[in-house]
Amino acid sequence: MTKPLAKASLVSYSPAYTIVPTYECFNRCTYCNFRTDPGESPWMGLSAAEGILKRLQNQQVCEILILSGEVSPHSHKRKDWFQIIYDLCDLALSMGFLPHTNAGPLSFAEMQRLKNVNVSTGLMLEQLTPSLLKTVHRHAPSKLPELRLQQLEWAGELQIPFTTGLLLGIGETSDDWWETLTAISQIHQRYHHIQEVILQPHSPGNQQTFDAPPFDPHQLPAVIAKARQILPSDITIQIPPNLVKDEQWLLACIEAGARDLGGISPKDEVNPDYPHIQERELREILEPAGWELVPRLPIYPQFDSWLSGELQTLVKQWREVLTPV
């Protein structure tokens, strides 16, 4: 009889698909390869989304990531924008999927409403240093550090399982990394609601105006090791494998403490120049090194009780299908 692998030898990923309500965004971050100007991106309708979701129903896709550009909270279009996001989540739920929304900073009331139709939500802190407001975030009103930290606080108050993370290599210092990670740790220790912290290396794309080299992935293992020391043990560190091209350095990142590879879907909407490495290829990289790749849900088991009864029922069904970690 084969001895089962220890839990420490497991690396997880989410079988996911990304739906973009709109690429329109009122921020103009210079490193962005996702956004379009307001008015230049059509908004997705429910019938188009339903067609996509129907095609996914027999493909073992669990998570529907609702990833949207941001409409200004002062815009007359904000209410309609939020309603589309809510309706897309509700549609995904009705068709048996588990939604996870990342749509920029939301009001407390918006977060409270989305909790009814999401099993988790997320927002990258990126970096908390205000110096970036003079450079890459000069024209990005929603990248105010205090505004983004507020989202983590509110998610904790609302008992929303949450994913956040850092973007590495956009002009910050290593001390900024540790400061941002420490802030995440402190908020989590009050609310115990943060599932994952993503460490995402800046990777240049065709659309950005930011003139800087990619973050050196060879630095990542050391950053991960330090992050593992700063963050509580119940927060999983996630890295995007398509942004760590070298297989040996990907394995080095895992050895250093990364245990999740994020959502694996046909396209990386945030980094469209870097195709996702698919499940089979990832297994071929990991298994010879003694790691087992396992699917997971967009909500970790310790947070199931935070959901409504209806959401708990659907999550339980998916746990029986995927047997996640």
C-alpha atoms as a PDB file:
ATOM      1  CA  MET A   1       0.000   0.000   0.000  1.00  0.00           C
ATOM      2  CA  THR A   2       1.386   3.403  -0.989  1.00  0.00           C
ATOM      3  CA  LYS A   3       2.051   5.708   1.933  1.00  0.00           C
ATOM      4  CA  PRO A   4       0.093   8.981   1.518  1.00  0.00           C
ATOM      5  CA  LEU A   5       2.058  12.185   1.150  1.00  0.00           C
ATOM      6  CA  ALA A   6       2.274  14.387   4.210  1.00  0.00           C
ATOM      7  CA  LYS A   7       0.192  17.539   4.093  1.00  0.00           C
ATOM      8  CA  ALA A   8       3.441  19.525   3.980  1.00  0.00           C
ATOM      9  CA  SER A   9       4.099  17.973   0.547  1.00  0.00           C
ATOM     10  CA  LEU A  10       0.876  19.289  -0.981  1.00  0.00           C
ATOM     11  CA  VAL A  11       0.693  22.256  -3.339  1.00  0.00           C
ATOM     12  CA  SER A  12      -2.781  23.529  -4.179  1.00  0.00           C
ATOM     13  CA  TYR A  13      -4.416  25.335  -7.070  1.00  0.00           C
ATOM     14  CA  SER A  14      -7.945  26.414  -7.923  1.00  0.00           C
ATOM     15  CA  PRO A  15      -9.663  25.070 -11.087  1.00  0.00           C
ATOM     16  CA  ALA A  16     -10.941  28.472 -12.174  1.00  0.00           C
ATOM     17  CA  TYR A  17     -12.284  30.622 -14.961  1.00  0.00           C
ATOM     18  CA  THR A  18     -12.133  34.411 -15.076  1.00  0.00           C
ATOM     19  CA  ILE A  19     -15.084  36.527 -16.159  1.00  0.00           C
ATOM     20  CA  VAL A  20     -14.451  40.231 -16.745  1.00  0.00           C
ATOM     21  CA  PRO A  21     -17.547  42.462 -16.414  1.00  0.00           C
ATOM     22  CA  THR A  22     -15.518  45.319 -17.924  1.00  0.00           C
ATOM     23  CA  TYR A  23     -11.905  46.247 -18.585  1.00  0.00           C
ATOM     24  CA  GLU A  24     -12.875  49.899 -18.101  1.00  0.00           C
ATOM     25  CA  CYS A  25     -10.928  51.433 -15.207  1.00  0.00           C
ATOM     26  CA  PHE A  26     -10.641  54.941 -13.831  1.00  0.00           C
ATOM     27  CA  ASN A  27      -7.152  54.191 -12.450  1.00  0.00           C
ATOM     28  CA  ARG A  28      -4.169  54.540 -14.759  1.00  0.00           C
ATOM     29  CA  CYS A  29      -1.422  52.490 -13.122  1.00  0.00           C
ATOM     30  CA  THR A  30       1.568  52.632 -15.447  1.00  0.00           C
ATOM     31  CA  TYR A  31       2.361  48.900 -15.113  1.00  0.00           C
ATOM     32  CA  CYS A  32      -1.177  47.739 -15.969  1.00  0.00           C
ATOM     33  CA  ASN A  33      -1.791  45.400 -18.916  1.00  0.00           C
ATOM     34  CA  PHE A  34      -5.494  44.932 -18.182  1.00  0.00           C
ATOM     35  CA  ARG A  35      -7.380  48.224 -18.295  1.00  0.00           C
ATOM     36  CA  THR A  36      -9.067  50.263 -20.993  1.00  0.00           C
ATOM     37  CA  ASP A  37     -10.209  53.869 -20.702  1.00  0.00           C
ATOM     38  CA  PRO A  38     -13.737  54.554 -19.420  1.00  0.00           C
ATOM     39  CA  GLY A  39     -16.242  54.146 -22.231  1.00  0.00           C
ATOM     40  CA  GLU A  40     -13.948  51.962 -24.360  1.00  0.00           C
ATOM     41  CA  SER A  41     -14.831  48.554 -22.948  1.00  0.00           C
ATOM     42  CA  PRO A  42     -18.307  47.073 -23.373  1.00  0.00           C
ATOM     43  CA  TRP A  43     -19.843  45.664 -20.230  1.00  0.00           C
ATOM     44  CA  MET A  44     -20.589  41.949 -20.206  1.00  0.00           C
ATOM     45  CA  GLY A  45     -24.246  41.019 -20.314  1.00  0.00           C
ATOM     46  CA  LEU A  46     -25.795  38.162 -18.373  1.00  0.00           C
ATOM     47  CA  SER A  47     -26.727  36.202 -21.518  1.00  0.00           C
ATOM     48  CA  ALA A  48     -23.094  36.207 -22.705  1.00  0.00           C
ATOM     49  CA  ALA A  49     -21.924  35.119 -19.254  1.00  0.00           C
ATOM     50  CA  GLU A  50     -24.525  32.362 -19.140  1.00  0.00           C
ATOM     51  CA  GLY A  51     -23.236  31.007 -22.447  1.00  0.00           C
ATOM     52  CA  ILE A  52     -19.706  30.869 -21.067  1.00  0.00           C
ATOM     53  CA  LEU A  53     -20.782  29.210 -17.822  1.00  0.00           C
ATOM     54  CA  LYS A  54     -22.830  26.567 -19.629  1.00  0.00           C
ATOM     55  CA  ARG A  55     -19.725  25.498 -21.547  1.00  0.00           C
ATOM     56  CA  LEU A  56     -17.817  25.185 -18.275  1.00  0.00           C
ATOM     57  CA  GLN A  57     -20.320  23.066 -16.374  1.00  0.00           C
ATOM     58  CA  ASN A  58     -18.781  19.698 -17.244  1.00  0.00           C
ATOM     59  CA  GLN A  59     -15.143  20.764 -17.106  1.00  0.00           C
ATOM     60  CA  GLN A  60     -14.496  20.487 -13.346  1.00  0.00           C
ATOM     61  CA  VAL A  61     -14.188  24.287 -13.113  1.00  0.00           C
ATOM     62  CA  CYS A  62     -15.062  25.257  -9.560  1.00  0.00           C
ATOM     63  CA  GLU A  63     -14.154  28.926  -9.079  1.00  0.00           C
ATOM     64  CA  ILE A  64     -15.554  31.770 -11.143  1.00  0.00           C
ATOM     65  CA  LEU A  65     -13.301  34.757 -10.601  1.00  0.00           C
ATOM     66  CA  ILE A  66     -15.171  37.991 -11.239  1.00  0.00           C
ATOM     67  CA  LEU A  67     -12.304  40.328 -12.075  1.00  0.00           C
ATOM     68  CA  SER A  68     -13.256  43.842 -13.056  1.00  0.00           C
ATOM     69  CA  GLY A  69     -11.832  47.189 -13.913  1.00  0.00           C
ATOM     70  CA  GLU A  70     -12.921  49.885 -11.499  1.00  0.00           C
ATOM     71  CA  VAL A  71     -15.634  52.485 -11.936  1.00  0.00           C
ATOM     72  CA  SER A  72     -15.139  55.546  -9.773  1.00  0.00           C
ATOM     73  CA  PRO A  73     -17.255  55.596  -6.616  1.00  0.00           C
ATOM     74  CA  HIS A  74     -18.304  59.100  -7.682  1.00  0.00           C
ATOM     75  CA  SER A  75     -19.438  58.028 -11.155  1.00  0.00           C
ATOM     76  CA  HIS A  76     -23.110  57.886 -12.100  1.00  0.00           C
ATOM     77  CA  LYS A  77     -22.305  54.439 -13.544  1.00  0.00           C
ATOM     78  CA  ARG A  78     -21.101  52.995 -10.235  1.00  0.00           C
ATOM     79  CA  LYS A  79     -24.485  51.598  -9.171  1.00  0.00           C
ATOM     80  CA  ASP A  80     -25.032  49.827 -12.507  1.00  0.00           C
ATOM     81  CA  TRP A  81     -21.459  48.511 -12.475  1.00  0.00           C
ATOM     82  CA  PHE A  82     -21.881  47.001  -9.033  1.00  0.00           C
ATOM     83  CA  GLN A  83     -25.241  45.494  -9.960  1.00  0.00           C
ATOM     84  CA  ILE A  84     -23.669  43.708 -12.932  1.00  0.00           C
ATOM     85  CA  ILE A  85     -20.994  42.247 -10.671  1.00  0.00           C
ATOM     86  CA  TYR A  86     -23.621  41.117  -8.177  1.00  0.00           C
ATOM     87  CA  ASP A  87     -25.796  39.595 -10.904  1.00  0.00           C
ATOM     88  CA  LEU A  88     -22.843  37.732 -12.445  1.00  0.00           C
ATOM     89  CA  CYS A  89     -22.013  36.221  -9.060  1.00  0.00           C
ATOM     90  CA  ASP A  90     -25.653  35.258  -8.513  1.00  0.00           C
ATOM     91  CA  LEU A  91     -25.787  33.662 -11.968  1.00  0.00           C
ATOM     92  CA  ALA A  92     -22.599  31.694 -11.342  1.00  0.00           C
ATOM     93  CA  LEU A  93     -23.993  30.413  -8.047  1.00  0.00           C
ATOM     94  CA  SER A  94     -27.280  29.404  -9.671  1.00  0.00           C
ATOM     95  CA  MET A  95     -25.311  27.330 -12.187  1.00  0.00           C
ATOM     96  CA  GLY A  96     -23.326  25.537  -9.501  1.00  0.00           C
ATOM     97  CA  PHE A  97     -20.084  27.517  -9.409  1.00  0.00           C
ATOM     98  CA  LEU A  98     -18.344  29.251  -6.503  1.00  0.00           C
ATOM     99  CA  PRO A  99     -17.754  32.974  -7.156  1.00  0.00           C
ATOM    100  CA  HIS A 100     -14.782  34.973  -5.904  1.00  0.00           C
ATOM    101  CA  THR A 101     -14.784  38.707  -6.685  1.00  0.00           C
ATOM    102  CA  ASN A 102     -11.839  41.079  -7.091  1.00  0.00           C
ATOM    103  CA  ALA A 103     -13.144  44.427  -8.323  1.00  0.00           C
ATOM    104  CA  GLY A 104     -11.062  46.998  -6.486  1.00  0.00           C
ATOM    105  CA  PRO A 105     -12.024  48.850  -3.299  1.00  0.00           C
ATOM    106  CA  LEU A 106     -15.692  48.585  -2.394  1.00  0.00           C
ATOM    107  CA  SER A 107     -17.859  50.376   0.120  1.00  0.00           C
ATOM    108  CA  PHE A 108     -18.814  48.572   3.321  1.00  0.00           C
ATOM    109  CA  ALA A 109     -22.359  48.196   2.010  1.00  0.00           C
ATOM    110  CA  GLU A 110     -21.126  46.771  -1.309  1.00  0.00           C
ATOM    111  CA  MET A 111     -18.928  44.248   0.495  1.00  0.00           C
ATOM    112  CA  GLN A 112     -21.831  43.311   2.733  1.00  0.00           C
ATOM    113  CA  ARG A 113     -24.062  42.646  -0.289  1.00  0.00           C
ATOM    114  CA  LEU A 114     -21.421  40.655  -2.169  1.00  0.00           C
ATOM    115  CA  LYS A 115     -20.953  38.376   0.846  1.00  0.00           C
ATOM    116  CA  ASN A 116     -24.381  36.922  -0.038  1.00  0.00           C
ATOM    117  CA  VAL A 117     -23.218  35.736  -3.478  1.00  0.00           C
ATOM    118  CA  ASN A 118     -19.489  35.056  -2.980  1.00  0.00           C
ATOM    119  CA  VAL A 119     -17.646  32.434  -0.993  1.00  0.00           C
ATOM    120  CA  SER A 120     -14.608  34.737  -0.764  1.00  0.00           C
ATOM    121  CA  THR A 121     -13.329  38.025  -2.130  1.00  0.00           C
ATOM    122  CA  GLY A 122      -9.969  39.676  -2.624  1.00  0.00           C
ATOM    123  CA  LEU A 123      -7.939  42.815  -3.190  1.00  0.00           C
ATOM    124  CA  MET A 124      -4.205  43.210  -3.706  1.00  0.00           C
ATOM    125  CA  LEU A 125      -2.597  45.701  -1.343  1.00  0.00           C
ATOM    126  CA  GLU A 126       0.311  45.852  -3.828  1.00  0.00           C
ATOM    127  CA  GLN A 127       2.478  48.068  -1.593  1.00  0.00           C
ATOM    128  CA  LEU A 128       1.640  50.390   1.275  1.00  0.00           C
ATOM    129  CA  THR A 129       4.404  52.901   0.625  1.00  0.00           C
ATOM    130  CA  PRO A 130       2.941  56.348  -0.240  1.00  0.00           C
ATOM    131  CA  SER A 131       5.971  57.072  -2.446  1.00  0.00           C
ATOM    132  CA  LEU A 132       4.314  55.149  -5.304  1.00  0.00           C
ATOM    133  CA  LEU A 133       1.571  57.780  -5.388  1.00  0.00           C
ATOM    134  CA  LYS A 134       4.191  60.003  -7.027  1.00  0.00           C
ATOM    135  CA  THR A 135       5.186  57.404  -9.626  1.00  0.00           C
ATOM    136  CA  VAL A 136       3.271  54.331 -10.823  1.00  0.00           C
ATOM    137  CA  HIS A 137       0.102  55.276  -8.881  1.00  0.00           C
ATOM    138  CA  ARG A 138       0.143  58.979  -9.680  1.00  0.00           C
ATOM    139  CA  HIS A 139      -3.111  58.668 -11.626  1.00  0.00           C
ATOM    140  CA  ALA A 140      -4.667  55.879  -9.581  1.00  0.00           C
ATOM    141  CA  PRO A 141      -7.086  57.267  -6.960  1.00  0.00           C
ATOM    142  CA  SER A 142      -8.008  53.859  -5.543  1.00  0.00           C
ATOM    143  CA  LYS A 143      -4.380  52.931  -4.800  1.00  0.00           C
ATOM    144  CA  LEU A 144      -4.276  55.026  -1.628  1.00  0.00           C
ATOM    145  CA  PRO A 145      -2.715  52.682   0.975  1.00  0.00           C
ATOM    146  CA  GLU A 146      -5.217  53.580   3.701  1.00  0.00           C
ATOM    147  CA  LEU A 147      -8.144  52.912   1.342  1.00  0.00           C
ATOM    148  CA  ARG A 148      -6.887  49.433   0.510  1.00  0.00           C
ATOM    149  CA  LEU A 149      -6.053  48.578   4.116  1.00  0.00           C
ATOM    150  CA  GLN A 150      -9.604  49.566   5.003  1.00  0.00           C
ATOM    151  CA  GLN A 151     -10.849  46.742   2.750  1.00  0.00           C
ATOM    152  CA  LEU A 152      -8.971  44.173   4.814  1.00  0.00           C
ATOM    153  CA  GLU A 153     -10.456  45.631   7.996  1.00  0.00           C
ATOM    154  CA  TRP A 154     -13.993  45.585   6.638  1.00  0.00           C
ATOM    155  CA  ALA A 155     -13.607  42.055   5.298  1.00  0.00           C
ATOM    156  CA  GLY A 156     -12.596  40.986   8.786  1.00  0.00           C
ATOM    157  CA  GLU A 157     -15.544  42.753  10.388  1.00  0.00           C
ATOM    158  CA  LEU A 158     -17.905  41.136   7.881  1.00  0.00           C
ATOM    159  CA  GLN A 159     -16.307  37.690   8.227  1.00  0.00           C
ATOM    160  CA  ILE A 160     -15.443  37.467   4.548  1.00  0.00           C
ATOM    161  CA  PRO A 161     -12.658  34.997   3.662  1.00  0.00           C
ATOM    162  CA  PHE A 162     -10.116  37.187   1.914  1.00  0.00           C
ATOM    163  CA  THR A 163      -7.141  37.037  -0.448  1.00  0.00           C
ATOM    164  CA  THR A 164      -4.627  39.853  -0.704  1.00  0.00           C
ATOM    165  CA  GLY A 165      -1.055  40.243  -1.864  1.00  0.00           C
ATOM    166  CA  LEU A 166       1.978  42.237  -2.926  1.00  0.00           C
ATOM    167  CA  LEU A 167       3.128  43.330  -6.356  1.00  0.00           C
ATOM    168  CA  LEU A 168       6.926  43.166  -6.383  1.00  0.00           C
ATOM    169  CA  GLY A 169       9.166  45.379  -8.487  1.00  0.00           C
ATOM    170  CA  ILE A 170       7.092  48.529  -9.086  1.00  0.00           C
ATOM    171  CA  GLY A 171       9.510  50.933  -7.411  1.00  0.00           C
ATOM    172  CA  GLU A 172       9.255  49.891  -3.782  1.00  0.00           C
ATOM    173  CA  THR A 173      12.071  48.793  -1.447  1.00  0.00           C
ATOM    174  CA  SER A 174      12.528  45.521   0.414  1.00  0.00           C
ATOM    175  CA  ASP A 175      11.631  47.341   3.637  1.00  0.00           C
ATOM    176  CA  ASP A 176       8.315  48.207   1.995  1.00  0.00           C
ATOM    177  CA  TRP A 177       7.662  44.490   1.477  1.00  0.00           C
ATOM    178  CA  TRP A 178       8.147  43.708   5.147  1.00  0.00           C
ATOM    179  CA  GLU A 179       6.007  46.690   6.205  1.00  0.00           C
ATOM    180  CA  THR A 180       3.141  45.582   3.958  1.00  0.00           C
ATOM    181  CA  LEU A 181       3.369  41.969   5.120  1.00  0.00           C
ATOM    182  CA  THR A 182       3.444  43.083   8.743  1.00  0.00           C
ATOM    183  CA  ALA A 183       0.284  45.157   8.223  1.00  0.00           C
ATOM    184  CA  ILE A 184      -1.457  42.106   6.726  1.00  0.00           C
ATOM    185  CA  SER A 185      -0.322  39.985   9.651  1.00  0.00           C
ATOM    186  CA  GLN A 186      -1.584  42.476  12.229  1.00  0.00           C
ATOM    187  CA  ILE A 187      -5.034  42.751  10.661  1.00  0.00           C
ATOM    188  CA  HIS A 188      -5.289  38.977  10.309  1.00  0.00           C
ATOM    189  CA  GLN A 189      -4.420  38.469  13.957  1.00  0.00           C
ATOM    190  CA  ARG A 190      -7.495  40.548  14.858  1.00  0.00           C
ATOM    191  CA  TYR A 191      -9.973  38.873  12.503  1.00  0.00           C
ATOM    192  CA  HIS A 192      -8.375  35.591  11.300  1.00  0.00           C
ATOM    193  CA  HIS A 193      -9.922  35.989   7.850  1.00  0.00           C
ATOM    194  CA  ILE A 194      -7.046  36.120   5.342  1.00  0.00           C
ATOM    195  CA  GLN A 195      -6.723  32.887   3.394  1.00  0.00           C
ATOM    196  CA  GLU A 196      -3.833  33.700   1.082  1.00  0.00           C
ATOM    197  CA  VAL A 197      -1.178  36.290   0.379  1.00  0.00           C
ATOM    198  CA  ILE A 198      -0.038  36.447  -3.248  1.00  0.00           C
ATOM    199  CA  LEU A 199       3.555  37.415  -4.011  1.00  0.00           C
ATOM    200  CA  GLN A 200       3.342  38.565  -7.634  1.00  0.00           C
ATOM    201  CA  PRO A 201       6.504  39.600  -9.489  1.00  0.00           C
ATOM    202  CA  HIS A 202       6.077  42.534 -11.868  1.00  0.00           C
ATOM    203  CA  SER A 203       6.244  41.116 -15.391  1.00  0.00           C
ATOM    204  CA  PRO A 204       6.346  43.621 -18.286  1.00  0.00           C
ATOM    205  CA  GLY A 205       3.604  43.441 -20.891  1.00  0.00           C
ATOM    206  CA  ASN A 206       2.739  45.056 -24.200  1.00  0.00           C
ATOM    207  CA  GLN A 207       0.210  47.533 -22.849  1.00  0.00           C
ATOM    208  CA  GLN A 208       2.059  49.117 -19.932  1.00  0.00           C
ATOM    209  CA  THR A 209       3.954  52.435 -20.011  1.00  0.00           C
ATOM    210  CA  PHE A 210       6.053  51.602 -16.933  1.00  0.00           C
ATOM    211  CA  ASP A 211       9.650  51.343 -18.126  1.00  0.00           C
ATOM    212  CA  ALA A 212      11.235  48.909 -15.695  1.00  0.00           C
ATOM    213  CA  PRO A 213      12.697  45.424 -15.919  1.00  0.00           C
ATOM    214  CA  PRO A 214      10.790  42.403 -14.634  1.00  0.00           C
ATOM    215  CA  PHE A 215      11.167  41.504 -10.996  1.00  0.00           C
ATOM    216  CA  ASP A 216      13.960  38.951 -10.782  1.00  0.00           C
ATOM    217  CA  PRO A 217      12.258  35.628  -9.960  1.00  0.00           C
ATOM    218  CA  HIS A 218      15.546  34.415  -8.527  1.00  0.00           C
ATOM    219  CA  GLN A 219      14.846  36.795  -5.629  1.00  0.00           C
ATOM    220  CA  LEU A 220      11.487  35.227  -4.928  1.00  0.00           C
ATOM    221  CA  PRO A 221      12.570  32.300  -2.710  1.00  0.00           C
ATOM    222  CA  ALA A 222      14.246  34.659  -0.250  1.00  0.00           C
ATOM    223  CA  VAL A 223      11.206  36.967  -0.229  1.00  0.00           C
ATOM    224  CA  ILE A 224       8.904  33.982   0.329  1.00  0.00           C
ATOM    225  CA  ALA A 225      11.058  32.679   3.183  1.00  0.00           C
ATOM    226  CA  LYS A 226      10.954  36.059   4.934  1.00  0.00           C
ATOM    227  CA  ALA A 227       7.217  36.387   4.282  1.00  0.00           C
ATOM    228  CA  ARG A 228       6.712  32.973   5.845  1.00  0.00           C
ATOM    229  CA  GLN A 229       8.415  34.261   8.998  1.00  0.00           C
ATOM    230  CA  ILE A 230       6.250  37.414   9.126  1.00  0.00           C
ATOM    231  CA  LEU A 231       2.845  35.936   8.269  1.00  0.00           C
ATOM    232  CA  PRO A 232       0.855  33.694  10.630  1.00  0.00           C
ATOM    233  CA  SER A 233       1.080  30.019   9.735  1.00  0.00           C
ATOM    234  CA  ASP A 234      -2.617  29.802   8.804  1.00  0.00           C
ATOM    235  CA  ILE A 235      -2.127  32.191   5.864  1.00  0.00           C
ATOM    236  CA  THR A 236      -1.077  30.385   2.680  1.00  0.00           C
ATOM    237  CA  ILE A 237       1.511  32.016   0.424  1.00  0.00           C
ATOM    238  CA  GLN A 238       0.554  31.938  -3.253  1.00  0.00           C
ATOM    239  CA  ILE A 239       2.757  32.496  -6.302  1.00  0.00           C
ATOM    240  CA  PRO A 240       1.689  32.649  -9.971  1.00  0.00           C
ATOM    241  CA  PRO A 241       3.697  29.919 -11.744  1.00  0.00           C
ATOM    242  CA  ASN A 242       3.354  31.526 -15.188  1.00  0.00           C
ATOM    243  CA  LEU A 243       5.441  34.450 -13.894  1.00  0.00           C
ATOM    244  CA  VAL A 244       8.246  32.174 -12.676  1.00  0.00           C
ATOM    245  CA  LYS A 245       9.435  30.690 -15.941  1.00  0.00           C
ATOM    246  CA  ASP A 246      12.364  28.645 -14.657  1.00  0.00           C
ATOM    247  CA  GLU A 247      11.167  25.281 -13.316  1.00  0.00           C
ATOM    248  CA  GLN A 248      13.973  25.041 -10.760  1.00  0.00           C
ATOM    249  CA  TRP A 249      13.159  28.463  -9.360  1.00  0.00           C
ATOM    250  CA  LEU A 250       9.489  27.563  -9.190  1.00  0.00           C
ATOM    251  CA  LEU A 251      10.451  24.548  -7.101  1.00  0.00           C
ATOM    252  CA  ALA A 252      12.744  26.767  -5.030  1.00  0.00           C
ATOM    253  CA  CYS A 253       9.771  29.056  -4.310  1.00  0.00           C
ATOM    254  CA  ILE A 254       7.783  26.081  -3.072  1.00  0.00           C
ATOM    255  CA  GLU A 255      10.670  24.849  -0.959  1.00  0.00           C
ATOM    256  CA  ALA A 256      10.848  28.348   0.557  1.00  0.00           C
ATOM    257  CA  GLY A 257       7.234  28.178   1.727  1.00  0.00           C
ATOM    258  CA  ALA A 258       4.812  28.919  -1.131  1.00  0.00           C
ATOM    259  CA  ARG A 259       2.040  26.323  -1.090  1.00  0.00           C
ATOM    260  CA  ASP A 260      -0.529  27.568  -3.596  1.00  0.00           C
ATOM    261  CA  LEU A 261      -0.394  28.340  -7.325  1.00  0.00           C
ATOM    262  CA  GLY A 262      -3.634  30.299  -7.604  1.00  0.00           C
ATOM    263  CA  GLY A 263      -6.362  29.930 -10.158  1.00  0.00           C
ATOM    264  CA  ILE A 264      -5.403  27.938 -13.239  1.00  0.00           C
ATOM    265  CA  SER A 265      -7.560  29.022 -16.170  1.00  0.00           C
ATOM    266  CA  PRO A 266      -7.198  29.396 -19.953  1.00  0.00           C
ATOM    267  CA  LYS A 267      -5.981  33.016 -19.752  1.00  0.00           C
ATOM    268  CA  ASP A 268      -4.262  35.226 -17.202  1.00  0.00           C
ATOM    269  CA  GLU A 269      -6.307  38.395 -17.630  1.00  0.00           C
ATOM    270  CA  VAL A 270      -3.951  40.505 -15.501  1.00  0.00           C
ATOM    271  CA  ASN A 271      -0.829  39.265 -17.298  1.00  0.00           C
ATOM    272  CA  PRO A 272      -2.104  38.346 -20.776  1.00  0.00           C
ATOM    273  CA  ASP A 273       1.445  38.115 -22.174  1.00  0.00           C
ATOM    274  CA  TYR A 274       2.144  35.169 -19.849  1.00  0.00           C
ATOM    275  CA  PRO A 275      -0.076  32.130 -20.513  1.00  0.00           C
ATOM    276  CA  HIS A 276      -1.016  30.022 -17.518  1.00  0.00           C
ATOM    277  CA  ILE A 277       0.894  26.789 -17.070  1.00  0.00           C
ATOM    278  CA  GLN A 278      -1.834  24.156 -17.139  1.00  0.00           C
ATOM    279  CA  GLU A 279      -2.420  21.452 -14.554  1.00  0.00           C
ATOM    280  CA  ARG A 280      -0.758  18.580 -16.422  1.00  0.00           C
ATOM    281  CA  GLU A 281       2.485  20.483 -17.003  1.00  0.00           C
ATOM    282  CA  LEU A 282       2.557  21.648 -13.400  1.00  0.00           C
ATOM    283  CA  ARG A 283       2.234  18.056 -12.212  1.00  0.00           C
ATOM    284  CA  GLU A 284       5.153  17.075 -14.442  1.00  0.00           C
ATOM    285  CA  ILE A 285       7.261  19.759 -12.759  1.00  0.00           C
ATOM    286  CA  LEU A 286       6.185  19.099  -9.183  1.00  0.00           C
ATOM    287  CA  GLU A 287       5.831  15.345  -8.845  1.00  0.00           C
ATOM    288  CA  PRO A 288       9.452  14.339  -9.598  1.00  0.00           C
ATOM    289  CA  ALA A 289      10.473  16.730  -6.816  1.00  0.00           C
ATOM    290  CA  GLY A 290       8.111  15.074  -4.320  1.00  0.00           C
ATOM    291  CA  TRP A 291       5.217  17.560  -4.440  1.00  0.00           C
ATOM    292  CA  GLU A 292       1.588  16.621  -5.093  1.00  0.00           C
ATOM    293  CA  LEU A 293      -0.619  19.136  -6.909  1.00  0.00           C
ATOM    294  CA  VAL A 294      -4.150  19.128  -5.463  1.00  0.00           C
ATOM    295  CA  PRO A 295      -7.262  21.138  -6.381  1.00  0.00           C
ATOM    296  CA  ARG A 296      -8.899  23.407  -3.837  1.00  0.00           C
ATOM    297  CA  LEU A 297     -11.976  25.576  -3.527  1.00  0.00           C
ATOM    298  CA  PRO A 298     -11.857  29.400  -3.418  1.00  0.00           C
ATOM    299  CA  ILE A 299     -12.771  29.100   0.264  1.00  0.00           C
ATOM    300  CA  TYR A 300     -10.628  27.228   2.770  1.00  0.00           C
ATOM    301  CA  PRO A 301     -12.445  24.738   5.063  1.00  0.00           C
ATOM    302  CA  GLN A 302     -11.947  26.734   8.282  1.00  0.00           C
ATOM    303  CA  PHE A 303     -14.176  29.494   6.879  1.00  0.00           C
ATOM    304  CA  ASP A 304     -17.161  27.399   5.779  1.00  0.00           C
ATOM    305  CA  SER A 305     -19.193  28.332   8.867  1.00  0.00           C
ATOM    306  CA  TRP A 306     -19.011  32.016   7.870  1.00  0.00           C
ATOM    307  CA  LEU A 307     -21.227  31.346   4.857  1.00  0.00           C
ATOM    308  CA  SER A 308     -25.000  31.291   4.590  1.00  0.00           C
ATOM    309  CA  GLY A 309     -26.660  27.893   4.707  1.00  0.00           C
ATOM    310  CA  GLU A 310     -27.254  27.958   0.959  1.00  0.00           C
ATOM    311  CA  LEU A 311     -23.590  28.672   0.189  1.00  0.00           C
ATOM    312  CA  GLN A 312     -22.434  26.071   2.699  1.00  0.00           C
ATOM    313  CA  THR A 313     -24.498  23.421   0.915  1.00  0.00           C
ATOM    314  CA  LEU A 314     -22.900  24.207  -2.446  1.00  0.00           C
ATOM    315  CA  VAL A 315     -19.405  24.309  -0.918  1.00  0.00           C
ATOM    316  CA  LYS A 316     -19.976  20.922   0.708  1.00  0.00           C
ATOM    317  CA  GLN A 317     -20.972  19.447  -2.655  1.00  0.00           C
ATOM    318  CA  TRP A 318     -17.779  20.758  -4.245  1.00  0.00           C
ATOM    319  CA  ARG A 319     -15.647  19.435  -1.391  1.00  0.00           C
ATOM    320  CA  GLU A 320     -16.998  15.967  -2.098  1.00  0.00           C
ATOM    321  CA  VAL A 321     -16.133  16.353  -5.789  1.00  0.00           C
ATOM    322  CA  LEU A 322     -12.638  17.824  -5.505  1.00  0.00           C
ATOM    323  CA  THR A 323     -11.518  16.493  -2.114  1.00  0.00           C
ATOM    324  CA  PRO A 324      -9.452  19.639  -1.656  1.00  0.00           C
ATOM    325  CA  VAL A 325      -6.943  20.421   1.071  1.00  0.00           C
END
